[in-house]
């Protein structure tokens, strides 16, 4: 456990930030999974938007976002 006051405050802040990051990641996984199961223009565009937001907030790496977007667009091209 942290000892100093500042470390206690930082721990509280980090836990809050981790909670929000986890929630955003869960939404992102849900959207990408939905786009994979039923690839339509609407599902893929919402997944793209979520991937871009997550990459801009540094929740996921920009190359991972690009890789997932590429794989999703391949599914649409097959149709």
PDB file of N, CA and C in Angstrom:
ATOM      1  N   UNK A   1       0.840  -1.189   0.000  1.00  0.00           N
ATOM      2  CA  UNK A   1       0.000   0.000   0.000  1.00  0.00           C
ATOM      3  C   UNK A   1       0.883   1.249   0.000  1.00  0.00           C
ATOM      4  N   UNK A   2       0.390   2.317  -0.629  1.00  0.00           N
ATOM      5  CA  UNK A   2       1.168   3.552  -0.650  1.00  0.00           C
ATOM      6  C   UNK A   2       1.252   4.189   0.738  1.00  0.00           C
ATOM      7  N   UNK A   3       2.332   4.898   0.956  1.00  0.00           N
ATOM      8  CA  UNK A   3       2.567   5.483   2.268  1.00  0.00           C
ATOM      9  C   UNK A   3       2.272   6.983   2.268  1.00  0.00           C
ATOM     10  N   UNK A   4       2.776   7.702   1.282  1.00  0.00           N
ATOM     11  CA  UNK A   4       2.613   9.162   1.283  1.00  0.00           C
ATOM     12  C   UNK A   4       1.218   9.553   0.828  1.00  0.00           C
ATOM     13  N   UNK A   5       0.813  10.789   1.166  1.00  0.00           N
ATOM     14  CA  UNK A   5      -0.512  11.286   0.787  1.00  0.00           C
ATOM     15  C   UNK A   5      -0.656  11.337  -0.729  1.00  0.00           C
ATOM     16  N   UNK A   6       0.395  11.803  -1.389  1.00  0.00           N
ATOM     17  CA  UNK A   6       0.346  11.937  -2.852  1.00  0.00           C
ATOM     18  C   UNK A   6       0.187  10.567  -3.513  1.00  0.00           C
ATOM     19  N   UNK A   7       0.863   9.559  -2.967  1.00  0.00           N
ATOM     20  CA  UNK A   7       0.779   8.205  -3.523  1.00  0.00           C
ATOM     21  C   UNK A   7      -0.620   7.638  -3.334  1.00  0.00           C
ATOM     22  N   UNK A   8      -1.258   7.972  -2.220  1.00  0.00           N
ATOM     23  CA  UNK A   8      -2.629   7.510  -1.974  1.00  0.00           C
ATOM     24  C   UNK A   8      -3.578   8.146  -2.987  1.00  0.00           C
ATOM     25  N   UNK A   9      -3.392   9.460  -3.225  1.00  0.00           N
ATOM     26  CA  UNK A   9      -4.228  10.159  -4.205  1.00  0.00           C
ATOM     27  C   UNK A   9      -4.002   9.598  -5.605  1.00  0.00           C
ATOM     28  N   UNK A  10      -2.741   9.316  -5.933  1.00  0.00           N
ATOM     29  CA  UNK A  10      -2.426   8.780  -7.254  1.00  0.00           C
ATOM     30  C   UNK A  10      -3.045   7.404  -7.453  1.00  0.00           C
ATOM     31  N   UNK A  11      -3.006   6.583  -6.430  1.00  0.00           N
ATOM     32  CA  UNK A  11      -3.617   5.262  -6.510  1.00  0.00           C
ATOM     33  C   UNK A  11      -5.113   5.381  -6.770  1.00  0.00           C
ATOM     34  N   UNK A  12      -5.763   6.307  -6.082  1.00  0.00           N
ATOM     35  CA  UNK A  12      -7.194   6.524  -6.274  1.00  0.00           C
ATOM     36  C   UNK A  12      -7.477   6.981  -7.708  1.00  0.00           C
ATOM     37  N   UNK A  13      -6.640   7.886  -8.203  1.00  0.00           N
ATOM     38  CA  UNK A  13      -6.795   8.392  -9.567  1.00  0.00           C
ATOM     39  C   UNK A  13      -6.553   7.288 -10.596  1.00  0.00           C
ATOM     40  N   UNK A  14      -5.511   6.489 -10.373  1.00  0.00           N
ATOM     41  CA  UNK A  14      -5.177   5.407 -11.304  1.00  0.00           C
ATOM     42  C   UNK A  14      -6.275   4.352 -11.368  1.00  0.00           C
ATOM     43  N   UNK A  15      -6.869   4.046 -10.215  1.00  0.00           N
ATOM     44  CA  UNK A  15      -7.960   3.057 -10.206  1.00  0.00           C
ATOM     45  C   UNK A  15      -9.162   3.566 -10.988  1.00  0.00           C
ATOM     46  N   UNK A  16      -9.471   4.847 -10.831  1.00  0.00           N
ATOM     47  CA  UNK A  16     -10.586   5.436 -11.565  1.00  0.00           C
ATOM     48  C   UNK A  16     -10.305   5.418 -13.060  1.00  0.00           C
ATOM     49  N   UNK A  17      -9.091   5.788 -13.428  1.00  0.00           N
ATOM     50  CA  UNK A  17      -8.714   5.811 -14.837  1.00  0.00           C
ATOM     51  C   UNK A  17      -8.731   4.402 -15.431  1.00  0.00           C
ATOM     52  N   UNK A  18      -8.281   3.416 -14.674  1.00  0.00           N
ATOM     53  CA  UNK A  18      -8.278   2.030 -15.147  1.00  0.00           C
ATOM     54  C   UNK A  18      -9.702   1.532 -15.348  1.00  0.00           C
ATOM     55  N   UNK A  19     -10.602   1.940 -14.463  1.00  0.00           N
ATOM     56  CA  UNK A  19     -12.007   1.545 -14.612  1.00  0.00           C
ATOM     57  C   UNK A  19     -12.616   2.076 -15.889  1.00  0.00           C
ATOM     58  N   UNK A  20     -12.327   3.348 -16.208  1.00  0.00           N
ATOM     59  CA  UNK A  20     -12.876   3.923 -17.437  1.00  0.00           C
ATOM     60  C   UNK A  20     -12.250   3.261 -18.649  1.00  0.00           C
ATOM     61  N   UNK A  21     -10.949   3.012 -18.602  1.00  0.00           N
ATOM     62  CA  UNK A  21     -10.269   2.363 -19.729  1.00  0.00           C
ATOM     63  C   UNK A  21     -10.832   0.968 -19.969  1.00  0.00           C
ATOM     64  N   UNK A  22     -11.066   0.230 -18.891  1.00  0.00           N
ATOM     65  CA  UNK A  22     -11.623  -1.114 -19.027  1.00  0.00           C
ATOM     66  C   UNK A  22     -13.012  -1.079 -19.639  1.00  0.00           C
ATOM     67  N   UNK A  23     -13.811  -0.093 -19.259  1.00  0.00           N
ATOM     68  CA  UNK A  23     -15.163   0.025 -19.810  1.00  0.00           C
ATOM     69  C   UNK A  23     -15.108   0.319 -21.304  1.00  0.00           C
ATOM     70  N   UNK A  24     -14.210   1.224 -21.696  1.00  0.00           N
ATOM     71  CA  UNK A  24     -14.083   1.573 -23.115  1.00  0.00           C
ATOM     72  C   UNK A  24     -13.591   0.374 -23.913  1.00  0.00           C
ATOM     73  N   UNK A  25     -12.626  -0.367 -23.341  1.00  0.00           N
ATOM     74  CA  UNK A  25     -12.117  -1.561 -24.033  1.00  0.00           C
ATOM     75  C   UNK A  25     -13.206  -2.609 -24.196  1.00  0.00           C
ATOM     76  N   UNK A  26     -14.055  -2.764 -23.190  1.00  0.00           N
ATOM     77  CA  UNK A  26     -15.138  -3.744 -23.270  1.00  0.00           C
ATOM     78  C   UNK A  26     -16.121  -3.360 -24.375  1.00  0.00           C
ATOM     79  N   UNK A  27     -16.457  -2.084 -24.463  1.00  0.00           N
ATOM     80  CA  UNK A  27     -17.349  -1.617 -25.530  1.00  0.00           C
ATOM     81  C   UNK A  27     -16.707  -1.848 -26.883  1.00  0.00           C
ATOM     82  N   UNK A  28     -15.410  -1.573 -26.971  1.00  0.00           N
ATOM     83  CA  UNK A  28     -14.676  -1.765 -28.223  1.00  0.00           C
ATOM     84  C   UNK A  28     -14.710  -3.223 -28.657  1.00  0.00           C
ATOM     85  N   UNK A  29     -14.428  -4.139 -27.713  1.00  0.00           N
ATOM     86  CA  UNK A  29     -14.466  -5.570 -28.045  1.00  0.00           C
ATOM     87  C   UNK A  29     -15.851  -5.986 -28.512  1.00  0.00           C
ATOM     88  N   UNK A  30     -16.891  -5.465 -27.848  1.00  0.00           N
ATOM     89  CA  UNK A  30     -18.259  -5.807 -28.206  1.00  0.00           C
ATOM     90  C   UNK A  30     -18.588  -5.346 -29.624  1.00  0.00           C
ATOM     91  N   UNK A  31     -18.176  -4.126 -29.971  1.00  0.00           N
ATOM     92  CA  UNK A  31     -18.457  -3.593 -31.301  1.00  0.00           C
ATOM     93  C   UNK A  31     -17.710  -4.351 -32.393  1.00  0.00           C
ATOM     94  N   UNK A  32     -16.444  -4.686 -32.125  1.00  0.00           N
ATOM     95  CA  UNK A  32     -15.652  -5.418 -33.125  1.00  0.00           C
ATOM     96  C   UNK A  32     -16.217  -6.821 -33.316  1.00  0.00           C
ATOM     97  N   UNK A  33     -16.627  -7.441 -32.223  1.00  0.00           N
ATOM     98  CA  UNK A  33     -17.205  -8.783 -32.318  1.00  0.00           C
ATOM     99  C   UNK A  33     -18.512  -8.752 -33.105  1.00  0.00           C
ATOM    100  N   UNK A  34     -19.338  -7.736 -32.861  1.00  0.00           N
ATOM    101  CA  UNK A  34     -20.600  -7.607 -33.594  1.00  0.00           C
ATOM    102  C   UNK A  34     -20.343  -7.389 -35.076  1.00  0.00           C
ATOM    103  N   UNK A  35     -19.310  -6.621 -35.400  1.00  0.00           N
ATOM    104  CA  UNK A  35     -18.982  -6.375 -36.808  1.00  0.00           C
ATOM    105  C   UNK A  35     -18.464  -7.636 -37.479  1.00  0.00           C
ATOM    106  N   UNK A  36     -17.769  -8.482 -36.723  1.00  0.00           N
ATOM    107  CA  UNK A  36     -17.279  -9.739 -37.304  1.00  0.00           C
ATOM    108  C   UNK A  36     -18.419 -10.721 -37.542  1.00  0.00           C
ATOM    109  N   UNK A  37     -19.360 -10.775 -36.603  1.00  0.00           N
ATOM    110  CA  UNK A  37     -20.457 -11.735 -36.722  1.00  0.00           C
ATOM    111  C   UNK A  37     -21.390 -11.360 -37.862  1.00  0.00           C
ATOM    112  N   UNK A  38     -21.801 -10.087 -37.899  1.00  0.00           N
ATOM    113  CA  UNK A  38     -22.709  -9.619 -38.945  1.00  0.00           C
ATOM    114  C   UNK A  38     -22.096  -8.404 -39.626  1.00  0.00           C
ATOM    115  N   UNK A  39     -21.186  -8.620 -40.586  1.00  0.00           N
ATOM    116  CA  UNK A  39     -20.517  -7.484 -41.208  1.00  0.00           C
ATOM    117  C   UNK A  39     -21.433  -6.712 -42.160  1.00  0.00           C
ATOM    118  N   UNK A  40     -21.885  -5.565 -41.713  1.00  0.00           N
ATOM    119  CA  UNK A  40     -22.659  -4.675 -42.574  1.00  0.00           C
ATOM    120  C   UNK A  40     -21.984  -3.314 -42.522  1.00  0.00           C
ATOM    121  N   UNK A  41     -22.405  -2.446 -43.408  1.00  0.00           N
ATOM    122  CA  UNK A  41     -21.788  -1.114 -43.472  1.00  0.00           C
ATOM    123  C   UNK A  41     -21.918  -0.390 -42.128  1.00  0.00           C
ATOM    124  N   UNK A  42     -23.092  -0.505 -41.507  1.00  0.00           N
ATOM    125  CA  UNK A  42     -23.351   0.210 -40.258  1.00  0.00           C
ATOM    126  C   UNK A  42     -22.489  -0.324 -39.109  1.00  0.00           C
ATOM    127  N   UNK A  43     -22.436  -1.645 -38.948  1.00  0.00           N
ATOM    128  CA  UNK A  43     -21.672  -2.213 -37.830  1.00  0.00           C
ATOM    129  C   UNK A  43     -20.178  -1.935 -37.984  1.00  0.00           C
ATOM    130  N   UNK A  44     -19.708  -2.011 -39.218  1.00  0.00           N
ATOM    131  CA  UNK A  44     -18.279  -1.795 -39.443  1.00  0.00           C
ATOM    132  C   UNK A  44     -17.907  -0.332 -39.211  1.00  0.00           C
ATOM    133  N   UNK A  45     -18.759   0.602 -39.627  1.00  0.00           N
ATOM    134  CA  UNK A  45     -18.427   2.012 -39.416  1.00  0.00           C
ATOM    135  C   UNK A  45     -18.438   2.372 -37.933  1.00  0.00           C
ATOM    136  N   UNK A  46     -19.356   1.794 -37.158  1.00  0.00           N
ATOM    137  CA  UNK A  46     -19.344   2.072 -35.716  1.00  0.00           C
ATOM    138  C   UNK A  46     -18.097   1.472 -35.068  1.00  0.00           C
ATOM    139  N   UNK A  47     -17.689   0.293 -35.535  1.00  0.00           N
ATOM    140  CA  UNK A  47     -16.467  -0.319 -35.011  1.00  0.00           C
ATOM    141  C   UNK A  47     -15.247   0.522 -35.387  1.00  0.00           C
ATOM    142  N   UNK A  48     -15.219   1.050 -36.608  1.00  0.00           N
ATOM    143  CA  UNK A  48     -14.121   1.912 -37.048  1.00  0.00           C
ATOM    144  C   UNK A  48     -14.014   3.142 -36.155  1.00  0.00           C
ATOM    145  N   UNK A  49     -15.155   3.755 -35.872  1.00  0.00           N
ATOM    146  CA  UNK A  49     -15.151   4.958 -35.037  1.00  0.00           C
ATOM    147  C   UNK A  49     -14.624   4.647 -33.638  1.00  0.00           C
ATOM    148  N   UNK A  50     -15.054   3.533 -33.081  1.00  0.00           N
ATOM    149  CA  UNK A  50     -14.602   3.148 -31.745  1.00  0.00           C
ATOM    150  C   UNK A  50     -13.104   2.838 -31.744  1.00  0.00           C
ATOM    151  N   UNK A  51     -12.619   2.179 -32.798  1.00  0.00           N
ATOM    152  CA  UNK A  51     -11.197   1.870 -32.895  1.00  0.00           C
ATOM    153  C   UNK A  51     -10.365   3.151 -32.996  1.00  0.00           C
ATOM    154  N   UNK A  52     -10.847   4.099 -33.792  1.00  0.00           N
ATOM    155  CA  UNK A  52     -10.115   5.362 -33.930  1.00  0.00           C
ATOM    156  C   UNK A  52     -10.061   6.124 -32.614  1.00  0.00           C
ATOM    157  N   UNK A  53     -11.180   6.165 -31.892  1.00  0.00           N
ATOM    158  CA  UNK A  53     -11.209   6.858 -30.606  1.00  0.00           C
ATOM    159  C   UNK A  53     -10.263   6.196 -29.609  1.00  0.00           C
ATOM    160  N   UNK A  54     -10.270   4.864 -29.577  1.00  0.00           N
ATOM    161  CA  UNK A  54      -9.400   4.145 -28.647  1.00  0.00           C
ATOM    162  C   UNK A  54      -7.929   4.374 -28.989  1.00  0.00           C
ATOM    163  N   UNK A  55      -7.612   4.426 -30.271  1.00  0.00           N
ATOM    164  CA  UNK A  55      -6.230   4.666 -30.678  1.00  0.00           C
ATOM    165  C   UNK A  55      -5.810   6.092 -30.340  1.00  0.00           C
ATOM    166  N   UNK A  56      -6.707   7.049 -30.506  1.00  0.00           N
ATOM    167  CA  UNK A  56      -6.376   8.437 -30.187  1.00  0.00           C
ATOM    168  C   UNK A  56      -6.176   8.643 -28.693  1.00  0.00           C
ATOM    169  N   UNK A  57      -6.898   7.878 -27.878  1.00  0.00           N
ATOM    170  CA  UNK A  57      -6.752   7.987 -26.432  1.00  0.00           C
ATOM    171  C   UNK A  57      -5.630   7.101 -25.901  1.00  0.00           C
ATOM    172  N   UNK A  58      -4.908   6.438 -26.797  1.00  0.00           N
ATOM    173  CA  UNK A  58      -3.794   5.549 -26.460  1.00  0.00           C
ATOM    174  C   UNK A  58      -4.243   4.352 -25.625  1.00  0.00           C
ATOM    175  N   UNK A  59      -5.476   3.911 -25.816  1.00  0.00           N
ATOM    176  CA  UNK A  59      -5.929   2.695 -25.141  1.00  0.00           C
ATOM    177  C   UNK A  59      -5.432   1.465 -25.884  1.00  0.00           C
ATOM    178  N   UNK A  60      -5.380   1.576 -27.206  1.00  0.00           N
ATOM    179  CA  UNK A  60      -4.773   0.527 -28.018  1.00  0.00           C
ATOM    180  C   UNK A  60      -3.770   1.193 -28.948  1.00  0.00           C
ATOM    181  N   UNK A  61      -2.847   0.425 -29.464  1.00  0.00           N
ATOM    182  CA  UNK A  61      -1.833   0.965 -30.361  1.00  0.00           C
ATOM    183  C   UNK A  61      -2.471   1.294 -31.701  1.00  0.00           C
ATOM    184  N   UNK A  62      -1.948   2.324 -32.367  1.00  0.00           N
ATOM    185  CA  UNK A  62      -2.533   2.748 -33.643  1.00  0.00           C
ATOM    186  C   UNK A  62      -2.413   1.661 -34.707  1.00  0.00           C
ATOM    187  N   UNK A  63      -1.342   0.864 -34.649  1.00  0.00           N
ATOM    188  CA  UNK A  63      -1.188  -0.206 -35.633  1.00  0.00           C
ATOM    189  C   UNK A  63      -2.190  -1.336 -35.378  1.00  0.00           C
ATOM    190  N   UNK A  64      -2.527  -1.571 -34.120  1.00  0.00           N
ATOM    191  CA  UNK A  64      -3.540  -2.578 -33.813  1.00  0.00           C
ATOM    192  C   UNK A  64      -4.886  -2.130 -34.351  1.00  0.00           C
ATOM    193  N   UNK A  65      -5.189  -0.845 -34.193  1.00  0.00           N
ATOM    194  CA  UNK A  65      -6.442  -0.307 -34.729  1.00  0.00           C
ATOM    195  C   UNK A  65      -6.465  -0.461 -36.245  1.00  0.00           C
ATOM    196  N   UNK A  66      -5.357  -0.156 -36.896  1.00  0.00           N
ATOM    197  CA  UNK A  66      -5.281  -0.274 -38.355  1.00  0.00           C
ATOM    198  C   UNK A  66      -5.445  -1.724 -38.793  1.00  0.00           C
ATOM    199  N   UNK A  67      -4.824  -2.646 -38.042  1.00  0.00           N
ATOM    200  CA  UNK A  67      -4.917  -4.063 -38.383  1.00  0.00           C
ATOM    201  C   UNK A  67      -6.352  -4.562 -38.268  1.00  0.00           C
ATOM    202  N   UNK A  68      -7.027  -4.184 -37.180  1.00  0.00           N
ATOM    203  CA  UNK A  68      -8.413  -4.612 -37.001  1.00  0.00           C
ATOM    204  C   UNK A  68      -9.325  -3.996 -38.056  1.00  0.00           C
ATOM    205  N   UNK A  69      -9.097  -2.727 -38.391  1.00  0.00           N
ATOM    206  CA  UNK A  69      -9.903  -2.064 -39.416  1.00  0.00           C
ATOM    207  C   UNK A  69      -9.712  -2.745 -40.766  1.00  0.00           C
ATOM    208  N   UNK A  70      -8.479  -3.148 -41.047  1.00  0.00           N
ATOM    209  CA  UNK A  70      -8.190  -3.830 -42.306  1.00  0.00           C
ATOM    210  C   UNK A  70      -8.922  -5.169 -42.381  1.00  0.00           C
ATOM    211  N   UNK A  71      -8.899  -5.903 -41.290  1.00  0.00           N
ATOM    212  CA  UNK A  71      -9.561  -7.211 -41.278  1.00  0.00           C
ATOM    213  C   UNK A  71     -11.078  -7.071 -41.397  1.00  0.00           C
ATOM    214  N   UNK A  72     -11.623  -6.038 -40.768  1.00  0.00           N
ATOM    215  CA  UNK A  72     -13.073  -5.809 -40.865  1.00  0.00           C
ATOM    216  C   UNK A  72     -13.469  -5.395 -42.286  1.00  0.00           C
ATOM    217  N   UNK A  73     -12.645  -4.577 -42.919  1.00  0.00           N
ATOM    218  CA  UNK A  73     -12.996  -4.146 -44.271  1.00  0.00           C
ATOM    219  C   UNK A  73     -12.868  -5.289 -45.276  1.00  0.00           C
ATOM    220  N   UNK A  74     -12.007  -6.259 -44.979  1.00  0.00           N
ATOM    221  CA  UNK A  74     -11.925  -7.446 -45.838  1.00  0.00           C
ATOM    222  C   UNK A  74     -13.237  -8.225 -45.791  1.00  0.00           C
ATOM    223  N   UNK A  75     -13.886  -8.263 -44.610  1.00  0.00           N
ATOM    224  CA  UNK A  75     -15.148  -8.971 -44.477  1.00  0.00           C
ATOM    225  C   UNK A  75     -16.237  -8.311 -45.319  1.00  0.00           C
ATOM    226  N   UNK A  76     -16.210  -6.985 -45.386  1.00  0.00           N
ATOM    227  CA  UNK A  76     -17.214  -6.276 -46.181  1.00  0.00           C
ATOM    228  C   UNK A  76     -16.953  -6.495 -47.663  1.00  0.00           C
ATOM    229  N   UNK A  77     -15.661  -6.546 -48.049  1.00  0.00           N
ATOM    230  CA  UNK A  77     -15.309  -6.722 -49.464  1.00  0.00           C
ATOM    231  C   UNK A  77     -15.760  -8.098 -49.970  1.00  0.00           C
ATOM    232  N   UNK A  78     -15.807  -9.100 -49.076  1.00  0.00           N
ATOM    233  CA  UNK A  78     -16.222 -10.439 -49.492  1.00  0.00           C
ATOM    234  C   UNK A  78     -17.692 -10.475 -49.907  1.00  0.00           C
ATOM    235  N   UNK A  79     -18.498  -9.596 -49.279  1.00  0.00           N
ATOM    236  CA  UNK A  79     -19.940  -9.612 -49.556  1.00  0.00           C
ATOM    237  C   UNK A  79     -20.275  -9.158 -50.928  1.00  0.00           C
TER     238      UNK A  79
END
